[in-house]
Amino acid sequence: MKEANTKAILAEVRRHLNGVVAQSLKEEGIEYPYSLGVQIASLRAIAKGYEKSMPVARDLAGRKLREAILMASLIADSNSFLTTDFPLWEKTFMNTEAVDTACFYCLSHTPNPWESIGKWLNSSAPLIQRAGIMTLAHSVRKGRELPDTPCATYSFTQIVSSPSNHRELLSLLSTLQEHESHLYPPLKDSINKYGSPAVKHLLALLPPEA
């Protein structure tokens, strides 16, 4: 396995340039300042050839190239992820692909994502909300214990009253129910109190409670 190096990683990424994919992403509304159209599978394969590195990940996350932004979450050493790194990653939340990649491969593995999750759940911005929803859902699926502080004080009002992220909200609901999380009852109560008819319908899609 090679030592992570920004220049070497980006040189390898450029060899997988795919203009068709870049155009397809743009047509789907997944836009970045710059994109090479490299497929996620190729980026994952490249990342596996390098050691994890937070300094390199931070360098990549601060760039405007799609592949650099995605690679940042793939190459990050989550165990060395600092509280001060969350604002940098938050700046990369420019579309659903960037959010979902960060949440699954990086943020849900970090030692202490709980404060940021609470902040994101309270955001009025759909993409930031999505980051909170998906980081929490993936953390629960991984069997992580949710600390009472701050998780017990999470507010779900913003995400249940939002017209966006319904599929992600259903995913979180079903995950919390399946894992018998102490956050399931307050989320369900918030949906009943503040959710739109479309959001309340999500409860009917869940398996019957025992």
N, C-alpha and C. Protein backbone atom coordinates (compact mmCIF):
# COMPACT_ATOMS: atom_id res chain seq x y z
N MET A 1 0.85 -1.20 0.00
CA MET A 1 0.00 0.00 0.00
C MET A 1 0.89 1.25 0.00
N LYS A 2 0.54 2.22 -0.84
CA LYS A 2 1.37 3.41 -1.01
C LYS A 2 1.01 4.49 0.01
N GLU A 3 2.00 5.30 0.34
CA GLU A 3 1.76 6.44 1.21
C GLU A 3 0.92 7.47 0.45
N ALA A 4 -0.11 7.98 1.12
CA ALA A 4 -1.01 8.93 0.45
C ALA A 4 -0.28 10.21 0.08
N ASN A 5 -0.54 10.66 -1.14
CA ASN A 5 0.08 11.87 -1.66
C ASN A 5 -0.90 12.51 -2.63
N THR A 6 -1.25 13.76 -2.38
CA THR A 6 -2.28 14.43 -3.18
C THR A 6 -1.96 14.41 -4.67
N LYS A 7 -0.75 14.77 -5.00
CA LYS A 7 -0.36 14.85 -6.42
C LYS A 7 -0.47 13.49 -7.10
N ALA A 8 0.01 12.44 -6.44
CA ALA A 8 -0.04 11.09 -7.03
C ALA A 8 -1.47 10.60 -7.17
N ILE A 9 -2.29 10.88 -6.16
CA ILE A 9 -3.69 10.44 -6.20
C ILE A 9 -4.43 11.11 -7.35
N LEU A 10 -4.28 12.43 -7.48
CA LEU A 10 -4.99 13.16 -8.53
C LEU A 10 -4.48 12.76 -9.92
N ALA A 11 -3.20 12.45 -10.04
CA ALA A 11 -2.66 12.00 -11.33
C ALA A 11 -3.31 10.67 -11.73
N GLU A 12 -3.48 9.78 -10.75
CA GLU A 12 -4.11 8.50 -11.02
C GLU A 12 -5.59 8.67 -11.35
N VAL A 13 -6.23 9.59 -10.64
CA VAL A 13 -7.65 9.88 -10.89
C VAL A 13 -7.86 10.37 -12.32
N ARG A 14 -6.98 11.24 -12.80
CA ARG A 14 -7.14 11.83 -14.13
C ARG A 14 -7.05 10.78 -15.24
N ARG A 15 -6.39 9.69 -14.97
CA ARG A 15 -6.29 8.63 -15.97
C ARG A 15 -7.64 7.93 -16.20
N HIS A 16 -8.59 8.17 -15.31
CA HIS A 16 -9.91 7.54 -15.43
C HIS A 16 -10.97 8.54 -15.90
N LEU A 17 -10.54 9.65 -16.44
CA LEU A 17 -11.46 10.68 -16.92
C LEU A 17 -12.52 10.08 -17.84
N ASN A 18 -13.77 10.50 -17.64
CA ASN A 18 -14.88 9.97 -18.44
C ASN A 18 -15.87 11.10 -18.72
N GLY A 19 -15.78 11.67 -19.90
CA GLY A 19 -16.62 12.80 -20.26
C GLY A 19 -18.10 12.46 -20.31
N VAL A 20 -18.43 11.24 -20.68
CA VAL A 20 -19.84 10.82 -20.75
C VAL A 20 -20.46 10.84 -19.36
N VAL A 21 -19.73 10.29 -18.38
CA VAL A 21 -20.23 10.28 -17.00
C VAL A 21 -20.34 11.70 -16.47
N ALA A 22 -19.36 12.54 -16.77
CA ALA A 22 -19.40 13.93 -16.31
C ALA A 22 -20.64 14.64 -16.83
N GLN A 23 -20.98 14.43 -18.09
CA GLN A 23 -22.17 15.05 -18.67
C GLN A 23 -23.43 14.47 -18.06
N SER A 24 -23.44 13.16 -17.84
CA SER A 24 -24.61 12.51 -17.24
C SER A 24 -24.88 13.04 -15.84
N LEU A 25 -23.84 13.21 -15.06
CA LEU A 25 -23.99 13.75 -13.71
C LEU A 25 -24.58 15.16 -13.75
N LYS A 26 -24.09 15.94 -14.68
CA LYS A 26 -24.58 17.32 -14.81
C LYS A 26 -26.06 17.33 -15.18
N GLU A 27 -26.45 16.44 -16.07
CA GLU A 27 -27.86 16.35 -16.48
C GLU A 27 -28.76 15.89 -15.34
N GLU A 28 -28.19 15.13 -14.40
CA GLU A 28 -28.94 14.66 -13.24
C GLU A 28 -28.97 15.70 -12.12
N GLY A 29 -28.33 16.84 -12.34
CA GLY A 29 -28.33 17.90 -11.34
C GLY A 29 -27.24 17.76 -10.30
N ILE A 30 -26.31 16.83 -10.51
CA ILE A 30 -25.19 16.64 -9.58
C ILE A 30 -24.03 17.46 -10.11
N GLU A 31 -23.94 18.69 -9.66
CA GLU A 31 -22.98 19.63 -10.22
C GLU A 31 -21.89 20.01 -9.23
N TYR A 32 -20.70 20.18 -9.76
CA TYR A 32 -19.52 20.64 -9.04
C TYR A 32 -18.89 21.75 -9.87
N PRO A 33 -18.01 22.56 -9.26
CA PRO A 33 -17.29 23.54 -10.08
C PRO A 33 -16.53 22.87 -11.23
N TYR A 34 -15.90 21.71 -10.93
CA TYR A 34 -15.16 20.95 -11.95
C TYR A 34 -15.40 19.46 -11.73
N SER A 35 -15.45 18.71 -12.83
CA SER A 35 -15.66 17.26 -12.73
C SER A 35 -14.96 16.54 -13.86
N LEU A 36 -14.34 15.41 -13.55
CA LEU A 36 -13.69 14.57 -14.55
C LEU A 36 -14.58 13.39 -14.94
N GLY A 37 -15.66 13.19 -14.22
CA GLY A 37 -16.57 12.09 -14.55
C GLY A 37 -16.06 10.72 -14.17
N VAL A 38 -15.14 10.65 -13.22
CA VAL A 38 -14.61 9.34 -12.80
C VAL A 38 -15.66 8.63 -11.95
N GLN A 39 -15.91 7.38 -12.24
CA GLN A 39 -16.93 6.63 -11.53
C GLN A 39 -16.50 6.35 -10.09
N ILE A 40 -17.49 6.28 -9.20
CA ILE A 40 -17.22 6.04 -7.78
C ILE A 40 -16.43 4.75 -7.58
N ALA A 41 -16.79 3.71 -8.32
CA ALA A 41 -16.08 2.43 -8.19
C ALA A 41 -14.60 2.59 -8.48
N SER A 42 -14.27 3.41 -9.47
CA SER A 42 -12.86 3.65 -9.80
C SER A 42 -12.17 4.43 -8.69
N LEU A 43 -12.86 5.41 -8.13
CA LEU A 43 -12.28 6.18 -7.03
C LEU A 43 -12.03 5.29 -5.81
N ARG A 44 -12.96 4.40 -5.53
CA ARG A 44 -12.78 3.48 -4.40
C ARG A 44 -11.57 2.57 -4.63
N ALA A 45 -11.43 2.09 -5.86
CA ALA A 45 -10.30 1.21 -6.18
C ALA A 45 -8.97 1.96 -6.01
N ILE A 46 -8.94 3.19 -6.45
CA ILE A 46 -7.73 4.01 -6.29
C ILE A 46 -7.42 4.22 -4.81
N ALA A 47 -8.45 4.56 -4.04
CA ALA A 47 -8.26 4.84 -2.61
C ALA A 47 -7.70 3.63 -1.86
N LYS A 48 -8.11 2.45 -2.27
CA LYS A 48 -7.64 1.23 -1.59
C LYS A 48 -6.14 1.01 -1.75
N GLY A 49 -5.54 1.67 -2.72
CA GLY A 49 -4.11 1.51 -2.95
C GLY A 49 -3.25 2.44 -2.10
N TYR A 50 -3.91 3.29 -1.31
CA TYR A 50 -3.16 4.26 -0.51
C TYR A 50 -3.49 4.12 0.98
N GLU A 51 -2.52 4.48 1.81
CA GLU A 51 -2.75 4.52 3.24
C GLU A 51 -3.71 5.67 3.56
N LYS A 52 -4.48 5.51 4.63
CA LYS A 52 -5.37 6.57 5.07
C LYS A 52 -4.54 7.75 5.55
N SER A 53 -5.03 8.96 5.29
CA SER A 53 -4.27 10.15 5.68
C SER A 53 -5.20 11.34 5.84
N MET A 54 -5.28 11.90 7.04
CA MET A 54 -6.09 13.09 7.24
C MET A 54 -5.48 14.34 6.59
N PRO A 55 -4.16 14.54 6.66
CA PRO A 55 -3.62 15.73 5.98
C PRO A 55 -3.94 15.74 4.48
N VAL A 56 -3.81 14.59 3.82
CA VAL A 56 -4.13 14.51 2.40
C VAL A 56 -5.64 14.69 2.19
N ALA A 57 -6.43 14.08 3.06
CA ALA A 57 -7.88 14.21 2.94
C ALA A 57 -8.32 15.67 3.07
N ARG A 58 -7.71 16.38 4.01
CA ARG A 58 -8.05 17.81 4.19
C ARG A 58 -7.67 18.61 2.94
N ASP A 59 -6.53 18.31 2.37
CA ASP A 59 -6.10 19.00 1.15
C ASP A 59 -7.10 18.75 0.02
N LEU A 60 -7.52 17.50 -0.14
CA LEU A 60 -8.46 17.15 -1.19
C LEU A 60 -9.84 17.79 -0.96
N ALA A 61 -10.28 17.79 0.30
CA ALA A 61 -11.61 18.34 0.62
C ALA A 61 -11.70 19.83 0.34
N GLY A 62 -10.57 20.51 0.37
CA GLY A 62 -10.58 21.94 0.14
C GLY A 62 -10.54 22.34 -1.32
N ARG A 63 -10.52 21.37 -2.21
CA ARG A 63 -10.47 21.65 -3.66
C ARG A 63 -11.87 21.68 -4.27
N LYS A 64 -11.96 22.17 -5.49
CA LYS A 64 -13.26 22.33 -6.15
C LYS A 64 -13.55 21.23 -7.16
N LEU A 65 -12.65 20.28 -7.27
CA LEU A 65 -12.81 19.17 -8.22
C LEU A 65 -13.65 18.06 -7.58
N ARG A 66 -14.65 17.59 -8.30
CA ARG A 66 -15.52 16.52 -7.79
C ARG A 66 -14.73 15.35 -7.25
N GLU A 67 -13.81 14.86 -8.02
CA GLU A 67 -13.07 13.66 -7.63
C GLU A 67 -12.21 13.89 -6.40
N ALA A 68 -11.71 15.09 -6.22
CA ALA A 68 -10.93 15.41 -5.02
C ALA A 68 -11.83 15.40 -3.79
N ILE A 69 -13.02 15.99 -3.94
CA ILE A 69 -13.98 16.06 -2.84
C ILE A 69 -14.41 14.66 -2.41
N LEU A 70 -14.73 13.81 -3.36
CA LEU A 70 -15.16 12.45 -3.03
C LEU A 70 -14.00 11.63 -2.47
N MET A 71 -12.83 11.77 -3.07
CA MET A 71 -11.66 11.03 -2.61
C MET A 71 -11.29 11.42 -1.18
N ALA A 72 -11.56 12.65 -0.79
CA ALA A 72 -11.25 13.09 0.57
C ALA A 72 -11.90 12.19 1.61
N SER A 73 -13.15 11.81 1.37
CA SER A 73 -13.86 10.94 2.31
C SER A 73 -13.40 9.50 2.21
N LEU A 74 -12.90 9.11 1.05
CA LEU A 74 -12.44 7.73 0.87
C LEU A 74 -11.05 7.51 1.45
N ILE A 75 -10.25 8.57 1.50
CA ILE A 75 -8.86 8.44 1.94
C ILE A 75 -8.68 8.90 3.39
N ALA A 76 -9.71 9.52 3.96
CA ALA A 76 -9.61 10.07 5.31
C ALA A 76 -9.39 8.98 6.36
N ASP A 77 -8.55 9.28 7.32
CA ASP A 77 -8.37 8.42 8.48
C ASP A 77 -9.39 8.86 9.52
N SER A 78 -10.53 8.20 9.53
CA SER A 78 -11.65 8.65 10.37
C SER A 78 -11.29 8.71 11.84
N ASN A 79 -10.41 7.84 12.29
CA ASN A 79 -10.02 7.84 13.71
C ASN A 79 -9.24 9.09 14.10
N SER A 80 -8.68 9.77 13.09
CA SER A 80 -7.92 11.00 13.35
C SER A 80 -8.72 12.24 12.97
N PHE A 81 -10.00 12.05 12.69
CA PHE A 81 -10.88 13.15 12.29
C PHE A 81 -11.14 14.03 13.50
N LEU A 82 -10.89 15.33 13.37
CA LEU A 82 -11.04 16.27 14.47
C LEU A 82 -12.36 17.02 14.40
N THR A 83 -12.79 17.55 15.52
CA THR A 83 -14.00 18.37 15.54
C THR A 83 -13.90 19.53 14.56
N THR A 84 -12.70 20.06 14.43
CA THR A 84 -12.47 21.19 13.52
C THR A 84 -12.53 20.79 12.05
N ASP A 85 -12.56 19.49 11.76
CA ASP A 85 -12.65 19.03 10.37
C ASP A 85 -14.09 19.08 9.84
N PHE A 86 -15.07 19.03 10.73
CA PHE A 86 -16.46 18.99 10.28
C PHE A 86 -16.85 20.20 9.43
N PRO A 87 -16.47 21.43 9.81
CA PRO A 87 -16.82 22.57 8.96
C PRO A 87 -16.22 22.48 7.55
N LEU A 88 -15.02 21.90 7.44
CA LEU A 88 -14.41 21.73 6.12
C LEU A 88 -15.23 20.76 5.28
N TRP A 89 -15.64 19.65 5.87
CA TRP A 89 -16.44 18.69 5.12
C TRP A 89 -17.82 19.27 4.79
N GLU A 90 -18.35 20.07 5.70
CA GLU A 90 -19.66 20.69 5.46
C GLU A 90 -19.64 21.55 4.20
N LYS A 91 -18.51 22.17 3.92
CA LYS A 91 -18.39 23.00 2.72
C LYS A 91 -18.45 22.16 1.44
N THR A 92 -18.24 20.85 1.55
CA THR A 92 -18.30 19.99 0.37
C THR A 92 -19.72 19.49 0.08
N PHE A 93 -20.68 19.82 0.95
CA PHE A 93 -22.04 19.31 0.79
C PHE A 93 -22.78 20.10 -0.29
N MET A 94 -22.32 19.97 -1.53
CA MET A 94 -22.91 20.76 -2.61
C MET A 94 -23.94 20.00 -3.42
N ASN A 95 -24.07 18.70 -3.19
CA ASN A 95 -25.09 17.90 -3.87
C ASN A 95 -25.23 16.57 -3.12
N THR A 96 -26.22 15.77 -3.52
CA THR A 96 -26.50 14.53 -2.79
C THR A 96 -25.37 13.52 -2.88
N GLU A 97 -24.67 13.48 -4.01
CA GLU A 97 -23.56 12.53 -4.15
C GLU A 97 -22.46 12.83 -3.14
N ALA A 98 -22.10 14.09 -3.03
CA ALA A 98 -21.04 14.47 -2.10
C ALA A 98 -21.45 14.19 -0.66
N VAL A 99 -22.71 14.49 -0.32
CA VAL A 99 -23.20 14.24 1.03
C VAL A 99 -23.20 12.75 1.35
N ASP A 100 -23.79 11.96 0.46
CA ASP A 100 -23.94 10.53 0.73
C ASP A 100 -22.59 9.82 0.82
N THR A 101 -21.64 10.21 -0.03
CA THR A 101 -20.31 9.62 0.02
C THR A 101 -19.62 9.95 1.34
N ALA A 102 -19.70 11.20 1.75
CA ALA A 102 -19.06 11.62 3.00
C ALA A 102 -19.66 10.91 4.21
N CYS A 103 -20.99 10.82 4.24
CA CYS A 103 -21.66 10.22 5.40
C CYS A 103 -21.34 8.74 5.53
N PHE A 104 -21.38 8.02 4.41
CA PHE A 104 -21.20 6.57 4.46
C PHE A 104 -19.75 6.16 4.70
N TYR A 105 -18.84 6.77 3.96
CA TYR A 105 -17.44 6.34 4.00
C TYR A 105 -16.60 7.01 5.08
N CYS A 106 -17.05 8.15 5.57
CA CYS A 106 -16.20 8.91 6.49
C CYS A 106 -16.90 9.34 7.77
N LEU A 107 -17.91 10.19 7.67
CA LEU A 107 -18.44 10.88 8.85
C LEU A 107 -19.05 9.94 9.88
N SER A 108 -19.69 8.87 9.43
CA SER A 108 -20.31 7.94 10.38
C SER A 108 -19.28 7.08 11.10
N HIS A 109 -18.02 7.16 10.67
CA HIS A 109 -16.93 6.41 11.31
C HIS A 109 -16.13 7.27 12.28
N THR A 110 -16.35 8.57 12.27
CA THR A 110 -15.53 9.47 13.08
C THR A 110 -15.82 9.29 14.56
N PRO A 111 -14.84 9.59 15.43
CA PRO A 111 -15.01 9.35 16.86
C PRO A 111 -16.17 10.10 17.50
N ASN A 112 -16.40 11.32 17.07
CA ASN A 112 -17.41 12.13 17.76
C ASN A 112 -18.21 12.99 16.78
N PRO A 113 -19.12 12.36 16.03
CA PRO A 113 -19.92 13.13 15.08
C PRO A 113 -21.19 13.71 15.68
N TRP A 114 -21.45 13.46 16.96
CA TRP A 114 -22.77 13.70 17.54
C TRP A 114 -23.19 15.15 17.57
N GLU A 115 -22.27 16.06 17.93
CA GLU A 115 -22.62 17.48 17.96
C GLU A 115 -22.95 17.98 16.55
N SER A 116 -22.16 17.56 15.58
CA SER A 116 -22.40 18.00 14.20
C SER A 116 -23.73 17.44 13.67
N ILE A 117 -24.03 16.19 14.01
CA ILE A 117 -25.31 15.62 13.60
C ILE A 117 -26.46 16.46 14.13
N GLY A 118 -26.40 16.82 15.41
CA GLY A 118 -27.46 17.64 15.99
C GLY A 118 -27.61 18.99 15.30
N LYS A 119 -26.48 19.59 14.98
CA LYS A 119 -26.49 20.87 14.27
C LYS A 119 -27.10 20.71 12.88
N TRP A 120 -26.72 19.67 12.18
CA TRP A 120 -27.22 19.46 10.81
C TRP A 120 -28.71 19.15 10.81
N LEU A 121 -29.18 18.39 11.78
CA LEU A 121 -30.61 18.09 11.84
C LEU A 121 -31.44 19.35 12.06
N ASN A 122 -30.85 20.36 12.67
CA ASN A 122 -31.55 21.61 12.94
C ASN A 122 -31.43 22.62 11.82
N SER A 123 -30.69 22.27 10.77
CA SER A 123 -30.50 23.21 9.66
C SER A 123 -31.77 23.32 8.82
N SER A 124 -31.91 24.46 8.18
CA SER A 124 -33.03 24.64 7.25
C SER A 124 -32.63 24.30 5.82
N ALA A 125 -31.34 23.99 5.61
CA ALA A 125 -30.84 23.65 4.27
C ALA A 125 -30.99 22.15 4.02
N PRO A 126 -31.69 21.74 2.97
CA PRO A 126 -31.95 20.32 2.73
C PRO A 126 -30.70 19.45 2.67
N LEU A 127 -29.63 19.91 2.04
CA LEU A 127 -28.42 19.08 1.94
C LEU A 127 -27.74 18.91 3.29
N ILE A 128 -27.78 19.94 4.11
CA ILE A 128 -27.21 19.84 5.46
C ILE A 128 -28.06 18.89 6.30
N GLN A 129 -29.38 19.01 6.19
CA GLN A 129 -30.28 18.09 6.87
C GLN A 129 -29.97 16.65 6.47
N ARG A 130 -29.78 16.45 5.18
CA ARG A 130 -29.50 15.10 4.66
C ARG A 130 -28.24 14.53 5.31
N ALA A 131 -27.23 15.38 5.50
CA ALA A 131 -25.99 14.93 6.13
C ALA A 131 -26.26 14.46 7.56
N GLY A 132 -27.09 15.20 8.29
CA GLY A 132 -27.43 14.79 9.65
C GLY A 132 -28.20 13.48 9.68
N ILE A 133 -29.18 13.36 8.79
CA ILE A 133 -30.01 12.15 8.72
C ILE A 133 -29.16 10.93 8.39
N MET A 134 -28.34 11.04 7.35
CA MET A 134 -27.59 9.88 6.86
C MET A 134 -26.42 9.51 7.77
N THR A 135 -25.76 10.50 8.36
CA THR A 135 -24.67 10.18 9.29
C THR A 135 -25.23 9.47 10.52
N LEU A 136 -26.38 9.93 11.00
CA LEU A 136 -27.01 9.27 12.15
C LEU A 136 -27.46 7.86 11.78
N ALA A 137 -28.11 7.70 10.64
CA ALA A 137 -28.60 6.38 10.23
C ALA A 137 -27.45 5.39 10.06
N HIS A 138 -26.38 5.80 9.39
CA HIS A 138 -25.25 4.90 9.18
C HIS A 138 -24.57 4.56 10.51
N SER A 139 -24.50 5.52 11.42
CA SER A 139 -23.88 5.27 12.72
C SER A 139 -24.66 4.21 13.49
N VAL A 140 -25.99 4.30 13.44
CA VAL A 140 -26.82 3.32 14.14
C VAL A 140 -26.68 1.95 13.48
N ARG A 141 -26.67 1.91 12.15
CA ARG A 141 -26.52 0.62 11.45
C ARG A 141 -25.19 -0.05 11.79
N LYS A 142 -24.18 0.75 12.05
CA LYS A 142 -22.87 0.20 12.40
C LYS A 142 -22.82 -0.28 13.85
N GLY A 143 -23.93 -0.13 14.56
CA GLY A 143 -23.98 -0.59 15.94
C GLY A 143 -23.34 0.34 16.94
N ARG A 144 -23.14 1.59 16.56
CA ARG A 144 -22.51 2.54 17.46
C ARG A 144 -23.47 2.94 18.57
N GLU A 145 -22.97 3.09 19.77
CA GLU A 145 -23.79 3.52 20.89
C GLU A 145 -23.96 5.04 20.82
N LEU A 146 -25.20 5.49 20.93
CA LEU A 146 -25.47 6.92 20.86
C LEU A 146 -25.42 7.51 22.25
N PRO A 147 -24.49 8.41 22.51
CA PRO A 147 -24.40 9.01 23.85
C PRO A 147 -25.60 9.89 24.16
N ASP A 148 -26.07 9.84 25.41
CA ASP A 148 -27.21 10.66 25.79
C ASP A 148 -26.96 12.14 25.57
N THR A 149 -25.70 12.53 25.78
CA THR A 149 -25.32 13.91 25.51
C THR A 149 -24.44 13.93 24.26
N PRO A 150 -24.92 14.52 23.16
CA PRO A 150 -26.11 15.36 23.05
C PRO A 150 -27.31 14.65 22.41
N CYS A 151 -27.22 13.37 22.11
CA CYS A 151 -28.24 12.72 21.28
C CYS A 151 -29.65 12.80 21.87
N ALA A 152 -29.75 12.74 23.20
CA ALA A 152 -31.06 12.77 23.84
C ALA A 152 -31.78 14.11 23.64
N THR A 153 -31.02 15.13 23.24
CA THR A 153 -31.62 16.45 23.06
C THR A 153 -31.79 16.82 21.59
N TYR A 154 -31.60 15.87 20.70
CA TYR A 154 -31.78 16.16 19.26
C TYR A 154 -33.21 16.64 19.00
N SER A 155 -33.30 17.64 18.15
CA SER A 155 -34.60 18.11 17.69
C SER A 155 -34.81 17.64 16.25
N PHE A 156 -35.98 17.07 15.98
CA PHE A 156 -36.28 16.56 14.65
C PHE A 156 -37.29 17.44 13.91
N THR A 157 -37.64 18.58 14.50
CA THR A 157 -38.69 19.43 13.93
C THR A 157 -38.37 19.85 12.50
N GLN A 158 -37.12 20.27 12.27
CA GLN A 158 -36.75 20.77 10.94
C GLN A 158 -36.85 19.67 9.89
N ILE A 159 -36.33 18.49 10.18
CA ILE A 159 -36.28 17.46 9.13
C ILE A 159 -37.67 16.89 8.84
N VAL A 160 -38.56 16.85 9.84
CA VAL A 160 -39.89 16.28 9.57
C VAL A 160 -40.82 17.29 8.91
N SER A 161 -40.48 18.58 9.01
CA SER A 161 -41.30 19.61 8.37
C SER A 161 -40.74 20.04 7.01
N SER A 162 -39.61 19.44 6.62
CA SER A 162 -38.98 19.78 5.35
C SER A 162 -39.65 19.02 4.19
N PRO A 163 -39.76 19.67 3.03
CA PRO A 163 -40.33 18.97 1.86
C PRO A 163 -39.31 18.06 1.17
N SER A 164 -38.09 18.02 1.68
CA SER A 164 -37.02 17.23 1.06
C SER A 164 -36.64 16.04 1.93
N ASN A 165 -35.87 15.14 1.35
CA ASN A 165 -35.25 14.03 2.08
C ASN A 165 -36.23 13.02 2.67
N HIS A 166 -37.39 12.84 2.06
CA HIS A 166 -38.36 11.89 2.60
C HIS A 166 -37.84 10.46 2.57
N ARG A 167 -37.17 10.08 1.50
CA ARG A 167 -36.64 8.72 1.41
C ARG A 167 -35.58 8.49 2.49
N GLU A 168 -34.75 9.50 2.73
CA GLU A 168 -33.70 9.39 3.74
C GLU A 168 -34.31 9.36 5.14
N LEU A 169 -35.37 10.12 5.33
CA LEU A 169 -36.06 10.13 6.62
C LEU A 169 -36.68 8.76 6.91
N LEU A 170 -37.25 8.14 5.88
CA LEU A 170 -37.80 6.79 6.05
C LEU A 170 -36.69 5.80 6.41
N SER A 171 -35.53 5.95 5.77
CA SER A 171 -34.40 5.10 6.06
C SER A 171 -33.98 5.24 7.53
N LEU A 172 -33.93 6.48 8.02
CA LEU A 172 -33.57 6.72 9.42
C LEU A 172 -34.62 6.13 10.35
N LEU A 173 -35.88 6.36 10.02
CA LEU A 173 -36.97 5.82 10.85
C LEU A 173 -36.88 4.31 10.99
N SER A 174 -36.75 3.62 9.87
CA SER A 174 -36.73 2.17 9.89
C SER A 174 -35.49 1.65 10.61
N THR A 175 -34.36 2.37 10.46
CA THR A 175 -33.13 1.97 11.15
C THR A 175 -33.28 2.11 12.66
N LEU A 176 -33.83 3.24 13.11
CA LEU A 176 -34.02 3.45 14.54
C LEU A 176 -35.00 2.44 15.12
N GLN A 177 -36.04 2.12 14.35
CA GLN A 177 -37.02 1.14 14.81
C GLN A 177 -36.38 -0.25 14.91
N GLU A 178 -35.66 -0.63 13.88
CA GLU A 178 -35.05 -1.96 13.84
C GLU A 178 -34.05 -2.16 14.97
N HIS A 179 -33.29 -1.11 15.28
CA HIS A 179 -32.27 -1.21 16.32
C HIS A 179 -32.80 -0.82 17.70
N GLU A 180 -34.11 -0.58 17.79
CA GLU A 180 -34.75 -0.24 19.06
C GLU A 180 -34.05 0.93 19.74
N SER A 181 -33.71 1.92 18.95
CA SER A 181 -33.00 3.09 19.46
C SER A 181 -33.92 3.97 20.30
N HIS A 182 -33.32 4.60 21.31
CA HIS A 182 -34.10 5.51 22.15
C HIS A 182 -34.49 6.77 21.38
N LEU A 183 -33.96 6.97 20.17
CA LEU A 183 -34.34 8.13 19.36
C LEU A 183 -35.57 7.87 18.50
N TYR A 184 -35.98 6.61 18.41
CA TYR A 184 -37.14 6.30 17.57
C TYR A 184 -38.42 6.96 18.09
N PRO A 185 -38.76 6.84 19.38
CA PRO A 185 -40.00 7.47 19.86
C PRO A 185 -40.06 8.99 19.65
N PRO A 186 -38.97 9.74 19.98
CA PRO A 186 -39.06 11.19 19.75
C PRO A 186 -39.17 11.58 18.28
N LEU A 187 -38.52 10.80 17.40
CA LEU A 187 -38.65 11.10 15.97
C LEU A 187 -40.07 10.82 15.50
N LYS A 188 -40.64 9.72 15.95
CA LYS A 188 -42.02 9.39 15.59
C LYS A 188 -42.98 10.45 16.12
N ASP A 189 -42.77 10.90 17.35
CA ASP A 189 -43.62 11.95 17.93
C ASP A 189 -43.52 13.24 17.13
N SER A 190 -42.30 13.58 16.70
CA SER A 190 -42.12 14.80 15.91
C SER A 190 -42.86 14.72 14.58
N ILE A 191 -42.85 13.54 13.97
CA ILE A 191 -43.57 13.36 12.71
C ILE A 191 -45.07 13.55 12.94
N ASN A 192 -45.59 12.98 13.99
CA ASN A 192 -47.02 13.11 14.27
C ASN A 192 -47.42 14.55 14.58
N LYS A 193 -46.52 15.31 15.20
CA LYS A 193 -46.84 16.68 15.59
C LYS A 193 -46.60 17.69 14.46
N TYR A 194 -45.48 17.52 13.74
CA TYR A 194 -45.04 18.57 12.83
C TYR A 194 -44.94 18.13 11.37
N GLY A 195 -45.09 16.85 11.10
CA GLY A 195 -44.91 16.36 9.74
C GLY A 195 -46.07 16.68 8.82
N SER A 196 -45.76 16.87 7.56
CA SER A 196 -46.79 17.04 6.54
C SER A 196 -47.49 15.71 6.32
N PRO A 197 -48.63 15.69 5.63
CA PRO A 197 -49.29 14.41 5.33
C PRO A 197 -48.36 13.42 4.64
N ALA A 198 -47.50 13.92 3.76
CA ALA A 198 -46.57 13.03 3.05
C ALA A 198 -45.58 12.40 4.02
N VAL A 199 -45.12 13.18 4.99
CA VAL A 199 -44.17 12.67 5.96
C VAL A 199 -44.87 11.70 6.93
N LYS A 200 -46.06 12.05 7.35
CA LYS A 200 -46.81 11.16 8.24
C LYS A 200 -47.09 9.82 7.57
N HIS A 201 -47.21 9.83 6.26
CA HIS A 201 -47.45 8.58 5.53
C HIS A 201 -46.27 7.62 5.67
N LEU A 202 -45.09 8.16 5.97
CA LEU A 202 -43.92 7.30 6.12
C LEU A 202 -44.10 6.29 7.25
N LEU A 203 -44.85 6.70 8.28
CA LEU A 203 -45.07 5.79 9.41
C LEU A 203 -45.83 4.55 9.00
N ALA A 204 -46.70 4.72 7.98
CA ALA A 204 -47.48 3.57 7.51
C ALA A 204 -46.62 2.58 6.73
N LEU A 205 -45.45 3.02 6.30
CA LEU A 205 -44.57 2.15 5.53
C LEU A 205 -43.65 1.31 6.41
N LEU A 206 -43.65 1.57 7.69
CA LEU A 206 -42.81 0.82 8.63
C LEU A 206 -43.44 -0.52 8.98
N PRO A 207 -42.62 -1.49 9.36
CA PRO A 207 -43.17 -2.76 9.84
C PRO A 207 -43.98 -2.54 11.10
N PRO A 208 -44.99 -3.36 11.37
CA PRO A 208 -45.77 -3.22 12.60
C PRO A 208 -44.88 -3.34 13.83
N GLU A 209 -45.15 -2.50 14.82
CA GLU A 209 -44.37 -2.57 16.04
C GLU A 209 -44.81 -3.74 16.89
N ALA A 210 -43.85 -4.36 17.55
CA ALA A 210 -44.16 -5.53 18.37
C ALA A 210 -44.98 -5.11 19.58
